[in-house]
Amino acid sequence: MVEIDLTAMSTVKKPRKKIAQRQLELRQRLWPSITENYIWRRQHHHGFTTIPRTMPLILSIMDDLARTPVAMAYLELWGRAFDEGFVTLSKPREIAFHAGFDGQRGERTWRSKMKALNDLGFIEVAGGPSGAMSYALILNPYLVIRRLHEQGTTGLREDKYNALMERAGEIGAEDFDLPDPWIKQSSSLQSSPSPGPATETNSSSTES
């Protein structure tokens, strides 16, 4: 049985509480007339998602790589996704509008942004009842950016990549240290036996 050191856990939490208390005291000095009623807090409000603290820099890197603004299209997907990491795109016009693409060419422009995100590997789209873009899977942006950097992809600025690694370390994000899932996937594909010859099914069979 694994024993948990509750004393160690309590010592870890205390500094965070002290930091929060200092921040609150500073806020009250800077804005003495502002109460909690003015502040949006996840503990008290519904309808929120979780994002990396590095998201602004990640979005900036995406725009550089795509050579076109794709950040809002990506952020809109993130805001619609749950922990499973994928989004059903059954309302493309609405999604496009929320991402800032409206007018006659709004949906068409949004689809071009989605294609750019898919081509770079930040998302994977799948077809379904709404056409070729019926679903979107959001991949770990840290791992995607790291892979693009290893591949020497044009548009990925070294200063922003280094800044992302530094900021990730500051906030305790260990994503850059995770194993490369693409390497594991490719090695498993290489080691798997080749499929046998295709067999034809009897097309004359009737449905029950």
C-alpha atoms as a PDB file:
ATOM      1  CA  MET A   1       0.000   0.000   0.000  1.00  0.00           C
ATOM      2  CA  VAL A   2       1.271   3.458  -0.927  1.00  0.00           C
ATOM      3  CA  GLU A   3       1.637   5.810   2.011  1.00  0.00           C
ATOM      4  CA  ILE A   4       0.871   9.492   1.475  1.00  0.00           C
ATOM      5  CA  ASP A   5       2.777  12.074   3.458  1.00  0.00           C
ATOM      6  CA  LEU A   6       0.003  14.485   4.404  1.00  0.00           C
ATOM      7  CA  THR A   7       2.483  16.735   6.165  1.00  0.00           C
ATOM      8  CA  ALA A   8       4.424  17.244   2.947  1.00  0.00           C
ATOM      9  CA  MET A   9       1.224  17.952   1.024  1.00  0.00           C
ATOM     10  CA  SER A  10       0.156  20.624   3.504  1.00  0.00           C
ATOM     11  CA  THR A  11       3.530  22.343   3.303  1.00  0.00           C
ATOM     12  CA  VAL A  12       3.221  22.534  -0.475  1.00  0.00           C
ATOM     13  CA  LYS A  13      -0.214  24.148  -0.379  1.00  0.00           C
ATOM     14  CA  LYS A  14       0.590  26.825   2.199  1.00  0.00           C
ATOM     15  CA  PRO A  15       2.889  28.945  -0.017  1.00  0.00           C
ATOM     16  CA  ARG A  16       0.208  29.050  -2.704  1.00  0.00           C
ATOM     17  CA  LYS A  17      -2.293  30.337  -0.184  1.00  0.00           C
ATOM     18  CA  LYS A  18       0.189  32.956   0.983  1.00  0.00           C
ATOM     19  CA  ILE A  19       0.807  34.084  -2.606  1.00  0.00           C
ATOM     20  CA  ALA A  20      -2.923  34.303  -3.260  1.00  0.00           C
ATOM     21  CA  GLN A  21      -3.407  36.305  -0.074  1.00  0.00           C
ATOM     22  CA  ARG A  22      -0.634  38.735  -1.036  1.00  0.00           C
ATOM     23  CA  GLN A  23      -2.139  39.140  -4.500  1.00  0.00           C
ATOM     24  CA  LEU A  24      -5.538  39.827  -2.998  1.00  0.00           C
ATOM     25  CA  GLU A  25      -4.105  42.415  -0.611  1.00  0.00           C
ATOM     26  CA  LEU A  26      -2.267  44.137  -3.451  1.00  0.00           C
ATOM     27  CA  ARG A  27      -5.417  44.180  -5.586  1.00  0.00           C
ATOM     28  CA  GLN A  28      -7.356  45.775  -2.750  1.00  0.00           C
ATOM     29  CA  ARG A  29      -4.735  48.496  -2.437  1.00  0.00           C
ATOM     30  CA  LEU A  30      -4.684  49.195  -6.168  1.00  0.00           C
ATOM     31  CA  TRP A  31      -8.461  49.002  -6.646  1.00  0.00           C
ATOM     32  CA  PRO A  32     -10.031  49.600  -3.218  1.00  0.00           C
ATOM     33  CA  SER A  33     -13.533  50.074  -4.604  1.00  0.00           C
ATOM     34  CA  ILE A  34     -13.589  46.743  -6.494  1.00  0.00           C
ATOM     35  CA  THR A  35     -15.279  43.834  -4.717  1.00  0.00           C
ATOM     36  CA  GLU A  36     -15.498  40.140  -5.612  1.00  0.00           C
ATOM     37  CA  ASN A  37     -18.727  40.839  -7.491  1.00  0.00           C
ATOM     38  CA  TYR A  38     -16.709  42.486 -10.265  1.00  0.00           C
ATOM     39  CA  ILE A  39     -14.301  39.564 -10.730  1.00  0.00           C
ATOM     40  CA  TRP A  40     -14.835  36.431 -12.795  1.00  0.00           C
ATOM     41  CA  ARG A  41     -13.618  33.458 -10.746  1.00  0.00           C
ATOM     42  CA  ARG A  42     -13.756  29.838 -11.840  1.00  0.00           C
ATOM     43  CA  GLN A  43     -14.651  28.742  -8.316  1.00  0.00           C
ATOM     44  CA  HIS A  44     -17.897  30.705  -8.456  1.00  0.00           C
ATOM     45  CA  HIS A  45     -18.894  30.728 -12.130  1.00  0.00           C
ATOM     46  CA  HIS A  46     -19.834  28.062 -14.649  1.00  0.00           C
ATOM     47  CA  GLY A  47     -19.127  27.651 -18.339  1.00  0.00           C
ATOM     48  CA  PHE A  48     -15.332  27.660 -18.391  1.00  0.00           C
ATOM     49  CA  THR A  49     -12.541  25.566 -19.861  1.00  0.00           C
ATOM     50  CA  THR A  50      -8.929  24.955 -18.858  1.00  0.00           C
ATOM     51  CA  ILE A  51      -6.112  26.344 -20.999  1.00  0.00           C
ATOM     52  CA  PRO A  52      -2.320  26.378 -20.667  1.00  0.00           C
ATOM     53  CA  ARG A  53      -0.936  29.617 -19.265  1.00  0.00           C
ATOM     54  CA  THR A  54       1.265  29.694 -22.346  1.00  0.00           C
ATOM     55  CA  MET A  55      -1.716  29.814 -24.714  1.00  0.00           C
ATOM     56  CA  PRO A  56      -1.103  33.403 -25.953  1.00  0.00           C
ATOM     57  CA  LEU A  57       2.437  32.477 -27.014  1.00  0.00           C
ATOM     58  CA  ILE A  58       1.235  29.193 -28.520  1.00  0.00           C
ATOM     59  CA  LEU A  59      -1.348  31.073 -30.584  1.00  0.00           C
ATOM     60  CA  SER A  60       1.289  33.548 -31.744  1.00  0.00           C
ATOM     61  CA  ILE A  61       3.516  30.663 -32.869  1.00  0.00           C
ATOM     62  CA  MET A  62       0.570  29.126 -34.743  1.00  0.00           C
ATOM     63  CA  ASP A  63      -0.042  32.334 -36.666  1.00  0.00           C
ATOM     64  CA  ASP A  64       3.645  32.514 -37.606  1.00  0.00           C
ATOM     65  CA  LEU A  65       3.656  28.923 -38.840  1.00  0.00           C
ATOM     66  CA  ALA A  66       0.421  29.231 -40.798  1.00  0.00           C
ATOM     67  CA  ARG A  67       1.361  32.648 -42.206  1.00  0.00           C
ATOM     68  CA  THR A  68      -2.258  33.584 -41.663  1.00  0.00           C
ATOM     69  CA  PRO A  69      -4.302  34.304 -38.519  1.00  0.00           C
ATOM     70  CA  VAL A  70      -5.522  30.916 -37.273  1.00  0.00           C
ATOM     71  CA  ALA A  71      -5.464  31.663 -33.538  1.00  0.00           C
ATOM     72  CA  MET A  72      -9.157  32.478 -33.140  1.00  0.00           C
ATOM     73  CA  ALA A  73     -10.241  29.399 -35.084  1.00  0.00           C
ATOM     74  CA  TYR A  74      -8.105  27.278 -32.770  1.00  0.00           C
ATOM     75  CA  LEU A  75      -9.220  29.049 -29.593  1.00  0.00           C
ATOM     76  CA  GLU A  76     -12.878  28.608 -30.558  1.00  0.00           C
ATOM     77  CA  LEU A  77     -12.285  24.863 -30.899  1.00  0.00           C
ATOM     78  CA  TRP A  78     -10.567  24.774 -27.512  1.00  0.00           C
ATOM     79  CA  GLY A  79     -13.490  26.592 -25.912  1.00  0.00           C
ATOM     80  CA  ARG A  80     -15.902  23.979 -27.247  1.00  0.00           C
ATOM     81  CA  ALA A  81     -13.845  20.896 -26.381  1.00  0.00           C
ATOM     82  CA  PHE A  82     -14.142  18.833 -23.224  1.00  0.00           C
ATOM     83  CA  ASP A  83     -11.469  16.642 -21.659  1.00  0.00           C
ATOM     84  CA  GLU A  84     -11.832  14.123 -24.502  1.00  0.00           C
ATOM     85  CA  GLY A  85     -10.126  16.676 -26.735  1.00  0.00           C
ATOM     86  CA  PHE A  86     -12.401  16.669 -29.751  1.00  0.00           C
ATOM     87  CA  VAL A  87     -15.186  18.846 -31.113  1.00  0.00           C
ATOM     88  CA  THR A  88     -18.227  18.006 -33.203  1.00  0.00           C
ATOM     89  CA  LEU A  89     -18.442  20.521 -36.043  1.00  0.00           C
ATOM     90  CA  SER A  90     -22.154  20.163 -36.709  1.00  0.00           C
ATOM     91  CA  LYS A  91     -22.673  23.956 -36.717  1.00  0.00           C
ATOM     92  CA  PRO A  92     -19.846  25.243 -38.921  1.00  0.00           C
ATOM     93  CA  ARG A  93     -21.447  28.611 -39.629  1.00  0.00           C
ATOM     94  CA  GLU A  94     -21.967  29.275 -35.934  1.00  0.00           C
ATOM     95  CA  ILE A  95     -18.440  28.152 -35.053  1.00  0.00           C
ATOM     96  CA  ALA A  96     -17.025  30.351 -37.810  1.00  0.00           C
ATOM     97  CA  PHE A  97     -19.014  33.329 -36.559  1.00  0.00           C
ATOM     98  CA  HIS A  98     -17.836  32.860 -32.981  1.00  0.00           C
ATOM     99  CA  ALA A  99     -14.260  32.685 -34.248  1.00  0.00           C
ATOM    100  CA  GLY A 100     -14.701  36.046 -35.962  1.00  0.00           C
ATOM    101  CA  PHE A 101     -15.425  34.930 -39.507  1.00  0.00           C
ATOM    102  CA  ASP A 102     -18.768  36.229 -40.708  1.00  0.00           C
ATOM    103  CA  GLY A 103     -20.318  37.524 -43.881  1.00  0.00           C
ATOM    104  CA  GLN A 104     -20.740  35.654 -47.146  1.00  0.00           C
ATOM    105  CA  ARG A 105     -17.244  34.182 -47.035  1.00  0.00           C
ATOM    106  CA  GLY A 106     -17.146  33.623 -43.278  1.00  0.00           C
ATOM    107  CA  GLU A 107     -17.551  29.864 -43.263  1.00  0.00           C
ATOM    108  CA  ARG A 108     -15.277  29.454 -46.245  1.00  0.00           C
ATOM    109  CA  THR A 109     -12.545  31.501 -44.541  1.00  0.00           C
ATOM    110  CA  TRP A 110     -12.958  29.477 -41.354  1.00  0.00           C
ATOM    111  CA  ARG A 111     -12.544  26.243 -43.284  1.00  0.00           C
ATOM    112  CA  SER A 112      -9.275  27.526 -44.744  1.00  0.00           C
ATOM    113  CA  LYS A 113      -8.016  28.253 -41.213  1.00  0.00           C
ATOM    114  CA  MET A 114      -9.049  24.782 -40.114  1.00  0.00           C
ATOM    115  CA  LYS A 115      -7.188  23.266 -43.044  1.00  0.00           C
ATOM    116  CA  ALA A 116      -4.057  25.191 -42.080  1.00  0.00           C
ATOM    117  CA  LEU A 117      -4.298  23.931 -38.501  1.00  0.00           C
ATOM    118  CA  ASN A 118      -4.821  20.397 -39.770  1.00  0.00           C
ATOM    119  CA  ASP A 119      -1.881  20.608 -42.186  1.00  0.00           C
ATOM    120  CA  LEU A 120       0.423  21.792 -39.390  1.00  0.00           C
ATOM    121  CA  GLY A 121      -0.749  18.993 -37.123  1.00  0.00           C
ATOM    122  CA  PHE A 122      -2.384  21.034 -34.367  1.00  0.00           C
ATOM    123  CA  ILE A 123      -5.704  19.345 -35.094  1.00  0.00           C
ATOM    124  CA  GLU A 124      -6.913  16.328 -37.014  1.00  0.00           C
ATOM    125  CA  VAL A 125     -10.218  16.566 -38.837  1.00  0.00           C
ATOM    126  CA  ALA A 126     -12.480  13.662 -39.696  1.00  0.00           C
ATOM    127  CA  GLY A 127     -15.425  13.358 -42.028  1.00  0.00           C
ATOM    128  CA  GLY A 128     -18.980  12.546 -41.063  1.00  0.00           C
ATOM    129  CA  PRO A 129     -22.547  13.782 -41.415  1.00  0.00           C
ATOM    130  CA  SER A 130     -21.429  17.402 -41.810  1.00  0.00           C
ATOM    131  CA  GLY A 131     -18.976  16.661 -44.618  1.00  0.00           C
ATOM    132  CA  ALA A 132     -15.201  16.384 -44.673  1.00  0.00           C
ATOM    133  CA  MET A 133     -14.953  18.518 -41.534  1.00  0.00           C
ATOM    134  CA  SER A 134     -17.420  16.918 -39.156  1.00  0.00           C
ATOM    135  CA  TYR A 135     -15.079  16.404 -36.219  1.00  0.00           C
ATOM    136  CA  ALA A 136     -11.846  17.971 -34.991  1.00  0.00           C
ATOM    137  CA  LEU A 137      -9.357  16.377 -32.609  1.00  0.00           C
ATOM    138  CA  ILE A 138      -7.115  18.803 -30.697  1.00  0.00           C
ATOM    139  CA  LEU A 139      -3.597  17.475 -30.174  1.00  0.00           C
ATOM    140  CA  ASN A 140      -1.202  18.609 -27.434  1.00  0.00           C
ATOM    141  CA  PRO A 141       0.136  21.924 -28.824  1.00  0.00           C
ATOM    142  CA  TYR A 142       3.435  21.594 -26.931  1.00  0.00           C
ATOM    143  CA  LEU A 143       4.203  18.281 -28.617  1.00  0.00           C
ATOM    144  CA  VAL A 144       3.157  19.566 -32.034  1.00  0.00           C
ATOM    145  CA  ILE A 145       5.370  22.642 -31.748  1.00  0.00           C
ATOM    146  CA  ARG A 146       8.296  20.565 -30.493  1.00  0.00           C
ATOM    147  CA  ARG A 147       7.937  18.196 -33.445  1.00  0.00           C
ATOM    148  CA  LEU A 148       7.716  21.071 -35.927  1.00  0.00           C
ATOM    149  CA  HIS A 149      10.855  22.549 -34.368  1.00  0.00           C
ATOM    150  CA  GLU A 150      12.707  19.245 -34.710  1.00  0.00           C
ATOM    151  CA  GLN A 151      11.665  19.110 -38.356  1.00  0.00           C
ATOM    152  CA  GLY A 152      12.966  22.619 -38.969  1.00  0.00           C
ATOM    153  CA  THR A 153       9.575  23.855 -40.137  1.00  0.00           C
ATOM    154  CA  THR A 154       9.648  27.242 -41.839  1.00  0.00           C
ATOM    155  CA  GLY A 155       7.980  30.012 -39.857  1.00  0.00           C
ATOM    156  CA  LEU A 156       8.810  28.728 -36.394  1.00  0.00           C
ATOM    157  CA  ARG A 157      10.832  31.480 -34.773  1.00  0.00           C
ATOM    158  CA  GLU A 158      13.651  30.333 -32.521  1.00  0.00           C
ATOM    159  CA  ASP A 159      13.127  33.150 -30.031  1.00  0.00           C
ATOM    160  CA  LYS A 160       9.470  32.264 -29.546  1.00  0.00           C
ATOM    161  CA  TYR A 161      10.259  28.564 -29.245  1.00  0.00           C
ATOM    162  CA  ASN A 162      12.867  29.264 -26.589  1.00  0.00           C
ATOM    163  CA  ALA A 163      10.454  31.598 -24.800  1.00  0.00           C
ATOM    164  CA  LEU A 164       7.812  28.872 -24.818  1.00  0.00           C
ATOM    165  CA  MET A 165      10.224  26.353 -23.294  1.00  0.00           C
ATOM    166  CA  GLU A 166      11.270  28.849 -20.636  1.00  0.00           C
ATOM    167  CA  ARG A 167       7.711  29.824 -19.755  1.00  0.00           C
ATOM    168  CA  ALA A 168       6.670  26.161 -19.630  1.00  0.00           C
ATOM    169  CA  GLY A 169       9.410  25.548 -17.095  1.00  0.00           C
ATOM    170  CA  GLU A 170       8.286  28.509 -15.010  1.00  0.00           C
ATOM    171  CA  ILE A 171       4.735  27.216 -14.704  1.00  0.00           C
ATOM    172  CA  GLY A 172       5.734  23.588 -14.193  1.00  0.00           C
ATOM    173  CA  ALA A 173       4.515  22.316 -17.562  1.00  0.00           C
ATOM    174  CA  GLU A 174       6.555  19.202 -18.348  1.00  0.00           C
ATOM    175  CA  ASP A 175       5.131  18.602 -21.821  1.00  0.00           C
ATOM    176  CA  PHE A 176       8.458  19.194 -23.550  1.00  0.00           C
ATOM    177  CA  ASP A 177       9.856  16.234 -21.575  1.00  0.00           C
ATOM    178  CA  LEU A 178       7.122  13.830 -22.667  1.00  0.00           C
ATOM    179  CA  PRO A 179       8.024  11.034 -25.105  1.00  0.00           C
ATOM    180  CA  ASP A 180       7.221  11.636 -28.758  1.00  0.00           C
ATOM    181  CA  PRO A 181       3.945   9.780 -29.474  1.00  0.00           C
ATOM    182  CA  TRP A 182       4.581   9.915 -33.226  1.00  0.00           C
ATOM    183  CA  ILE A 183       7.789   7.913 -32.887  1.00  0.00           C
ATOM    184  CA  LYS A 184       5.974   5.255 -30.878  1.00  0.00           C
ATOM    185  CA  GLN A 185       3.180   5.145 -33.417  1.00  0.00           C
ATOM    186  CA  SER A 186       5.502   4.864 -36.423  1.00  0.00           C
ATOM    187  CA  SER A 187       7.610   2.133 -34.789  1.00  0.00           C
ATOM    188  CA  SER A 188       4.520   0.093 -33.967  1.00  0.00           C
ATOM    189  CA  LEU A 189       3.343   0.413 -37.560  1.00  0.00           C
ATOM    190  CA  GLN A 190       6.694  -0.795 -38.861  1.00  0.00           C
ATOM    191  CA  SER A 191       6.747  -3.798 -36.532  1.00  0.00           C
ATOM    192  CA  SER A 192       3.182  -4.824 -37.274  1.00  0.00           C
ATOM    193  CA  PRO A 193       2.721  -7.606 -39.876  1.00  0.00           C
ATOM    194  CA  SER A 194       1.551  -6.570 -43.296  1.00  0.00           C
ATOM    195  CA  PRO A 195      -2.119  -7.205 -43.951  1.00  0.00           C
ATOM    196  CA  GLY A 196      -3.047 -10.232 -46.013  1.00  0.00           C
ATOM    197  CA  PRO A 197      -4.662 -10.092 -49.437  1.00  0.00           C
ATOM    198  CA  ALA A 198      -8.003  -8.373 -49.565  1.00  0.00           C
ATOM    199  CA  THR A 199     -11.007 -10.628 -49.874  1.00  0.00           C
ATOM    200  CA  GLU A 200     -14.120  -9.703 -51.782  1.00  0.00           C
ATOM    201  CA  THR A 201     -17.471  -9.842 -50.085  1.00  0.00           C
ATOM    202  CA  ASN A 202     -20.536 -11.237 -51.758  1.00  0.00           C
ATOM    203  CA  SER A 203     -22.337  -8.162 -53.009  1.00  0.00           C
ATOM    204  CA  SER A 204     -25.437 -10.184 -53.826  1.00  0.00           C
ATOM    205  CA  SER A 205     -26.235 -10.824 -50.153  1.00  0.00           C
ATOM    206  CA  THR A 206     -29.421  -9.162 -48.954  1.00  0.00           C
ATOM    207  CA  GLU A 207     -29.942  -7.225 -45.750  1.00  0.00           C
ATOM    208  CA  SER A 208     -32.037  -8.820 -43.048  1.00  0.00           C
END
